[in-house]
Amino acid sequence: MSVVITGSAGIDTVETPVDRRERVMGGSAVYISAAASFFTPVALVSVVGEDWPRANTEMLRKHGVDTTALEIRQGEKTLYWFGRYHGNMDECETVEIQPNVFSAEFVPVVPARYRKDASVVLLGNASPTTQMAMLDQVPSRALVLADTMNYYINGQRSALERLLKRVDVLVLNESELFLLTEENSLIAAIGKGLALGPKVLVVKRGTCGVILATSAGEKVILPAYPMSRVIDPTGAGDSFLGGLGGSLAAVVGQGRLPSIEEWKSALLNATLIASFCIESFSLERLLTLVQDEFNQRREEFVRMLH
């Protein structure tokens, strides 16, 4: 069984207090794929323009990402984003964004073999219309995890609410949850978020960690892994989603939700993958990560938690 992912594939320019990188690989689906592929085979379903470097595709393939469904449109340009971080890098200023080929009209096309046996579907940041088009092509038994952002909460709420009735797990940060539910109390917002349709809500709280809540009333709270230095936070949330879905691929099946213990283990893996992501620009650290490094950090984190 496998993980199928959609969302953006892009070219980023990123500036932080540490340094700056020009036109590096980025995009929600790319980070999700790189993180998830650490745990399970994955397929990336997205679109790029003719300016997308072939080396990017080769790097993803080398790390277990099936790029068969990464469409390359000749005569068009790839999504471009320029972001600038200030101070402690809690907030990012979008200096420039050019959607280019990745527009609201993008309809992902899932290869036939993944339509039959996908165990997990990960919907990275994209319009709710694009995300629902993905769901129309995958088996109903797949576990569906979705991400969203302020832009779609504000501008496409009606479509987003229809989407949420079709997903199992909604993953978003605390400010997005408050915006979505029009609440300023975290517990009240979690209740309203679950009432919109998902069976599980995962709330990312930055350096405060993460909270998972289920419609059955279960809750899990996990702190963030303590980092001594952050190089580039770009893609950390997407890497978290990829780590979460990738970890669950081996345990879900037959239409069942994971047990609370399986959720705990997956949250731990997702938190750690995100911690590696922020150690470098773009996907540099994710694509050089080896199993021994991950295992060592996991053992260290477990000791801290106990």
Protein backbone atom coordinates (compact mmCIF):
# COMPACT_ATOMS: atom_id res chain seq x y z
CA MET A 1 0.00 0.00 0.00
CA SER A 2 1.21 3.52 -0.65
CA VAL A 3 0.78 7.22 0.02
CA VAL A 4 -0.51 9.54 -2.70
CA ILE A 5 0.15 13.26 -2.35
CA THR A 6 -1.04 16.40 -4.06
CA GLY A 7 -0.29 20.07 -3.52
CA SER A 8 2.17 22.51 -4.99
CA ALA A 9 5.61 21.95 -6.48
CA GLY A 10 7.46 25.23 -6.68
CA ILE A 11 10.62 27.24 -6.92
CA ASP A 12 11.40 29.30 -3.82
CA THR A 13 13.62 32.18 -2.85
CA VAL A 14 14.03 32.23 0.92
CA GLU A 15 15.69 34.87 3.10
CA THR A 16 16.24 34.36 6.83
CA PRO A 17 18.40 36.16 9.42
CA VAL A 18 20.93 33.39 8.77
CA ASP A 19 21.30 33.50 4.98
CA ARG A 20 19.46 33.59 1.65
CA ARG A 21 18.85 31.00 -1.07
CA GLU A 22 17.72 31.79 -4.62
CA ARG A 23 15.36 29.58 -6.63
CA VAL A 24 15.56 26.40 -4.61
CA MET A 25 13.13 23.49 -4.71
CA GLY A 26 9.94 24.00 -2.70
CA GLY A 27 6.17 23.58 -2.64
CA SER A 28 3.85 21.88 -0.17
CA ALA A 29 3.61 18.56 -2.01
CA VAL A 30 7.37 18.40 -2.49
CA TYR A 31 8.10 18.77 1.24
CA ILE A 32 5.31 16.34 2.10
CA SER A 33 6.66 13.77 -0.37
CA ALA A 34 10.25 14.05 0.84
CA ALA A 35 9.18 13.58 4.47
CA ALA A 36 6.71 10.76 3.83
CA SER A 37 9.17 8.86 1.62
CA PHE A 38 11.39 8.39 4.67
CA PHE A 39 8.76 5.93 5.95
CA THR A 40 6.97 4.48 2.92
CA PRO A 41 6.73 4.58 -0.91
CA VAL A 42 4.96 7.73 -2.10
CA ALA A 43 3.57 9.17 -5.32
CA LEU A 44 3.63 12.90 -6.06
CA VAL A 45 0.74 14.35 -8.09
CA SER A 46 1.38 17.96 -9.06
CA VAL A 47 2.29 20.28 -11.92
CA VAL A 48 5.33 22.39 -12.86
CA GLY A 49 6.46 24.50 -15.80
CA GLU A 50 9.31 24.06 -18.23
CA ASP A 51 11.63 26.03 -15.91
CA TRP A 52 11.48 23.25 -13.31
CA PRO A 53 15.03 21.83 -13.11
CA ARG A 54 15.31 18.19 -14.10
CA ALA A 55 17.73 17.77 -11.20
CA ASN A 56 14.85 18.42 -8.77
CA THR A 57 12.89 15.50 -10.17
CA GLU A 58 15.93 13.25 -10.06
CA MET A 59 16.59 14.10 -6.42
CA LEU A 60 13.02 13.21 -5.49
CA ARG A 61 13.16 9.93 -7.43
CA LYS A 62 16.42 9.02 -5.76
CA HIS A 63 14.69 9.29 -2.39
CA GLY A 64 11.74 7.06 -3.18
CA VAL A 65 9.25 9.53 -4.63
CA ASP A 66 7.34 8.32 -7.69
CA THR A 67 7.16 11.37 -9.96
CA THR A 68 5.17 9.71 -12.76
CA ALA A 69 2.26 12.07 -12.09
CA LEU A 70 4.38 15.23 -11.85
CA GLU A 71 3.09 17.00 -14.95
CA ILE A 72 5.52 19.29 -16.80
CA ARG A 73 3.77 21.89 -18.94
CA GLN A 74 5.85 23.29 -21.76
CA GLY A 75 5.59 27.02 -22.37
CA GLU A 76 4.53 27.73 -18.78
CA LYS A 77 6.35 28.64 -15.57
CA THR A 78 6.46 26.89 -12.21
CA LEU A 79 4.88 28.35 -9.08
CA TYR A 80 7.32 30.88 -7.61
CA TRP A 81 7.40 32.09 -4.00
CA PHE A 82 9.75 34.54 -2.28
CA GLY A 83 9.54 34.56 1.51
CA ARG A 84 11.44 36.56 4.12
CA TYR A 85 11.76 35.65 7.80
CA HIS A 86 12.57 38.15 10.54
CA GLY A 87 13.72 37.93 14.15
CA ASN A 88 12.99 34.56 15.71
CA MET A 89 11.41 33.38 12.42
CA ASP A 90 7.95 32.80 13.90
CA GLU A 91 6.37 34.79 11.08
CA CYS A 92 7.12 34.85 7.36
CA GLU A 93 6.59 37.80 5.03
CA THR A 94 5.57 36.80 1.52
CA VAL A 95 7.51 39.23 -0.64
CA GLU A 96 6.32 37.83 -3.95
CA ILE A 97 4.18 34.97 -5.21
CA GLN A 98 3.53 33.96 -8.82
CA PRO A 99 1.05 31.04 -9.05
CA ASN A 100 1.88 30.52 -12.75
CA VAL A 101 1.04 26.92 -13.71
CA PHE A 102 -0.30 26.03 -10.25
CA SER A 103 -3.62 27.82 -10.37
CA ALA A 104 -7.02 27.15 -8.85
CA GLU A 105 -7.92 25.31 -12.07
CA PHE A 106 -5.26 22.62 -11.61
CA VAL A 107 -6.87 19.16 -11.60
CA PRO A 108 -4.55 16.39 -10.36
CA VAL A 109 -4.57 13.13 -12.32
CA VAL A 110 -3.82 10.06 -10.21
CA PRO A 111 -2.16 7.10 -12.01
CA ALA A 112 -4.41 4.05 -12.22
CA ARG A 113 -2.26 1.84 -9.98
CA TYR A 114 -2.53 4.36 -7.13
CA ARG A 115 -6.27 4.74 -7.54
CA LYS A 116 -6.63 1.10 -6.52
CA ASP A 117 -4.24 0.62 -3.62
CA ALA A 118 -3.55 3.98 -1.94
CA SER A 119 -3.71 3.48 1.83
CA VAL A 120 -3.17 7.16 2.69
CA VAL A 121 -4.01 10.33 0.74
CA LEU A 122 -2.26 13.55 1.74
CA LEU A 123 -3.83 16.80 0.54
CA GLY A 124 -1.20 19.50 0.81
CA ASN A 125 -1.93 23.21 0.51
CA ALA A 126 -3.99 23.77 -2.62
CA SER A 127 -7.45 25.05 -3.42
CA PRO A 128 -10.28 22.94 -1.96
CA THR A 129 -11.41 22.35 -5.55
CA THR A 130 -8.06 20.77 -6.43
CA GLN A 131 -8.11 18.73 -3.22
CA MET A 132 -11.63 17.40 -3.91
CA ALA A 133 -10.66 16.51 -7.48
CA MET A 134 -7.93 14.34 -5.97
CA LEU A 135 -10.38 12.60 -3.64
CA ASP A 136 -12.69 11.79 -6.53
CA GLN A 137 -9.96 9.50 -7.91
CA VAL A 138 -8.89 7.46 -4.89
CA PRO A 139 -10.48 4.53 -3.03
CA SER A 140 -12.89 5.36 -0.24
CA ARG A 141 -11.00 3.08 2.16
CA ALA A 142 -7.93 5.35 2.09
CA LEU A 143 -7.15 7.47 5.14
CA VAL A 144 -7.36 11.11 4.05
CA LEU A 145 -5.33 13.87 5.71
CA ALA A 146 -5.74 17.48 4.58
CA ASP A 147 -3.97 20.77 5.18
CA THR A 148 -5.24 24.26 4.43
CA MET A 149 -4.28 27.88 4.96
CA ASN A 150 -5.70 31.34 5.68
CA TYR A 151 -6.04 32.18 1.99
CA TYR A 152 -8.53 29.37 1.41
CA ILE A 153 -10.29 29.80 4.76
CA ASN A 154 -10.99 33.43 3.88
CA GLY A 155 -11.56 33.15 0.15
CA GLN A 156 -13.01 29.67 -0.46
CA ARG A 157 -14.78 28.81 2.77
CA SER A 158 -17.81 27.18 1.18
CA ALA A 159 -15.68 24.79 -0.88
CA LEU A 160 -13.44 24.15 2.10
CA GLU A 161 -16.39 23.20 4.30
CA ARG A 162 -17.54 20.71 1.65
CA LEU A 163 -14.05 19.23 1.58
CA LEU A 164 -13.90 18.84 5.36
CA LYS A 165 -16.90 16.52 5.29
CA ARG A 166 -14.82 14.15 3.15
CA VAL A 167 -11.54 14.06 5.08
CA ASP A 168 -10.59 11.95 8.08
CA VAL A 169 -7.88 14.21 9.50
CA LEU A 170 -7.51 17.99 9.31
CA VAL A 171 -4.02 19.33 10.06
CA LEU A 172 -3.59 23.06 10.56
CA ASN A 173 -1.90 25.56 12.84
CA GLU A 174 -3.49 27.28 15.80
CA SER A 175 -4.13 30.63 14.09
CA GLU A 176 -5.74 28.88 11.12
CA LEU A 177 -8.01 26.94 13.47
CA PHE A 178 -9.09 30.15 15.20
CA LEU A 179 -9.83 31.75 11.83
CA LEU A 180 -11.75 28.72 10.59
CA THR A 181 -13.92 28.40 13.70
CA GLU A 182 -14.12 32.10 14.64
CA GLU A 183 -13.10 31.12 18.19
CA ASN A 184 -10.24 32.37 20.37
CA SER A 185 -10.35 29.54 22.91
CA LEU A 186 -8.30 26.54 21.81
CA ILE A 187 -10.59 23.90 23.35
CA ALA A 188 -13.73 25.55 21.97
CA ALA A 189 -12.07 25.87 18.55
CA ILE A 190 -11.13 22.19 18.55
CA GLY A 191 -14.74 21.25 19.26
CA LYS A 192 -16.03 23.44 16.43
CA GLY A 193 -13.35 22.17 14.07
CA LEU A 194 -14.35 18.55 14.65
CA ALA A 195 -18.00 19.47 14.14
CA LEU A 196 -17.14 20.52 10.57
CA GLY A 197 -16.57 16.90 9.60
CA PRO A 198 -13.08 15.49 10.24
CA LYS A 199 -12.80 12.60 12.71
CA VAL A 200 -9.41 13.82 13.91
CA LEU A 201 -7.99 17.31 14.31
CA VAL A 202 -4.24 17.94 14.58
CA VAL A 203 -3.32 21.45 15.71
CA LYS A 204 0.28 22.58 15.18
CA ARG A 205 1.43 25.11 17.79
CA GLY A 206 4.99 25.84 16.69
CA THR A 207 7.44 25.73 19.57
CA CYS A 208 4.55 24.74 21.86
CA GLY A 209 4.18 21.40 20.09
CA VAL A 210 1.03 19.78 18.79
CA ILE A 211 -2.42 18.69 20.02
CA LEU A 212 -4.39 15.83 18.49
CA ALA A 213 -8.10 15.52 19.27
CA THR A 214 -10.59 12.93 18.03
CA SER A 215 -14.35 13.06 17.65
CA ALA A 216 -14.46 10.30 20.28
CA GLY A 217 -13.07 12.74 22.86
CA GLU A 218 -9.47 11.46 22.97
CA LYS A 219 -6.62 13.97 23.11
CA VAL A 220 -2.85 13.72 22.77
CA ILE A 221 -0.45 16.56 23.58
CA LEU A 222 3.15 16.40 22.39
CA PRO A 223 5.82 19.09 22.90
CA ALA A 224 8.09 20.24 20.11
CA TYR A 225 11.58 18.80 19.86
CA PRO A 226 13.92 21.41 21.39
CA MET A 227 16.17 22.93 18.72
CA SER A 228 19.32 24.90 19.45
CA ARG A 229 19.33 26.62 16.04
CA VAL A 230 16.84 27.14 13.22
CA ILE A 231 18.16 27.78 9.70
CA ASP A 232 14.95 27.90 7.63
CA PRO A 233 11.41 27.08 8.86
CA THR A 234 10.01 26.81 5.32
CA GLY A 235 8.26 23.49 4.78
CA ALA A 236 8.27 22.44 8.43
CA GLY A 237 4.47 22.14 8.57
CA ASP A 238 4.37 20.26 5.28
CA SER A 239 7.15 17.94 6.47
CA PHE A 240 5.11 17.31 9.62
CA LEU A 241 2.11 16.28 7.50
CA GLY A 242 4.31 14.03 5.37
CA GLY A 243 5.86 12.39 8.40
CA LEU A 244 2.43 11.84 9.92
CA GLY A 245 0.90 10.28 6.82
CA GLY A 246 3.99 8.29 5.94
CA SER A 247 4.15 6.79 9.43
CA LEU A 248 0.50 5.77 9.30
CA ALA A 249 0.71 4.03 5.92
CA ALA A 250 1.96 0.79 7.46
CA VAL A 251 -0.78 0.57 10.09
CA VAL A 252 -3.97 1.75 8.41
CA GLY A 253 -6.13 -0.42 6.23
CA GLN A 254 -9.60 -1.82 5.83
CA GLY A 255 -11.04 1.64 6.37
CA ARG A 256 -10.16 1.86 10.06
CA LEU A 257 -8.66 4.83 11.87
CA PRO A 258 -5.38 4.36 13.75
CA SER A 259 -5.46 3.51 17.42
CA ILE A 260 -4.47 6.19 19.91
CA GLU A 261 -1.09 4.48 20.42
CA GLU A 262 -0.49 4.48 16.66
CA TRP A 263 -1.36 8.18 16.58
CA LYS A 264 1.16 8.86 19.34
CA SER A 265 3.94 7.10 17.45
CA ALA A 266 3.08 8.88 14.20
CA LEU A 267 2.97 12.29 15.91
CA LEU A 268 6.40 11.61 17.35
CA ASN A 269 7.81 10.73 13.92
CA ALA A 270 6.17 13.77 12.32
CA THR A 271 7.56 16.12 14.95
CA LEU A 272 11.06 14.75 14.46
CA ILE A 273 10.97 14.93 10.65
CA ALA A 274 9.94 18.58 10.93
CA SER A 275 12.85 19.20 13.31
CA PHE A 276 15.30 17.94 10.69
CA CYS A 277 13.65 20.02 7.97
CA ILE A 278 14.41 23.34 9.69
CA GLU A 279 18.11 22.55 10.03
CA SER A 280 18.82 23.69 6.46
CA PHE A 281 17.39 25.55 3.49
CA SER A 282 14.91 23.92 1.13
CA LEU A 283 14.99 20.10 1.27
CA GLU A 284 18.73 19.85 1.84
CA ARG A 285 18.46 18.19 5.25
CA LEU A 286 15.50 15.95 4.45
CA LEU A 287 17.26 14.53 1.42
CA THR A 288 20.46 13.75 3.32
CA LEU A 289 18.79 12.29 6.43
CA VAL A 290 19.70 8.68 7.18
CA GLN A 291 17.93 6.15 9.39
CA ASP A 292 20.58 6.09 12.13
CA GLU A 293 20.33 9.86 12.61
CA PHE A 294 16.56 9.68 12.86
CA ASN A 295 16.65 6.73 15.28
CA GLN A 296 19.15 8.47 17.52
CA ARG A 297 17.03 11.63 17.76
CA ARG A 298 13.89 9.57 18.33
CA GLU A 299 15.46 7.68 21.22
CA GLU A 300 16.67 10.96 22.71
CA PHE A 301 13.20 12.53 22.41
CA VAL A 302 11.51 9.51 23.98
CA ARG A 303 13.88 9.72 26.94
CA MET A 304 12.98 13.39 27.35
CA LEU A 305 9.27 12.62 27.29
CA HIS A 306 9.62 9.95 29.95
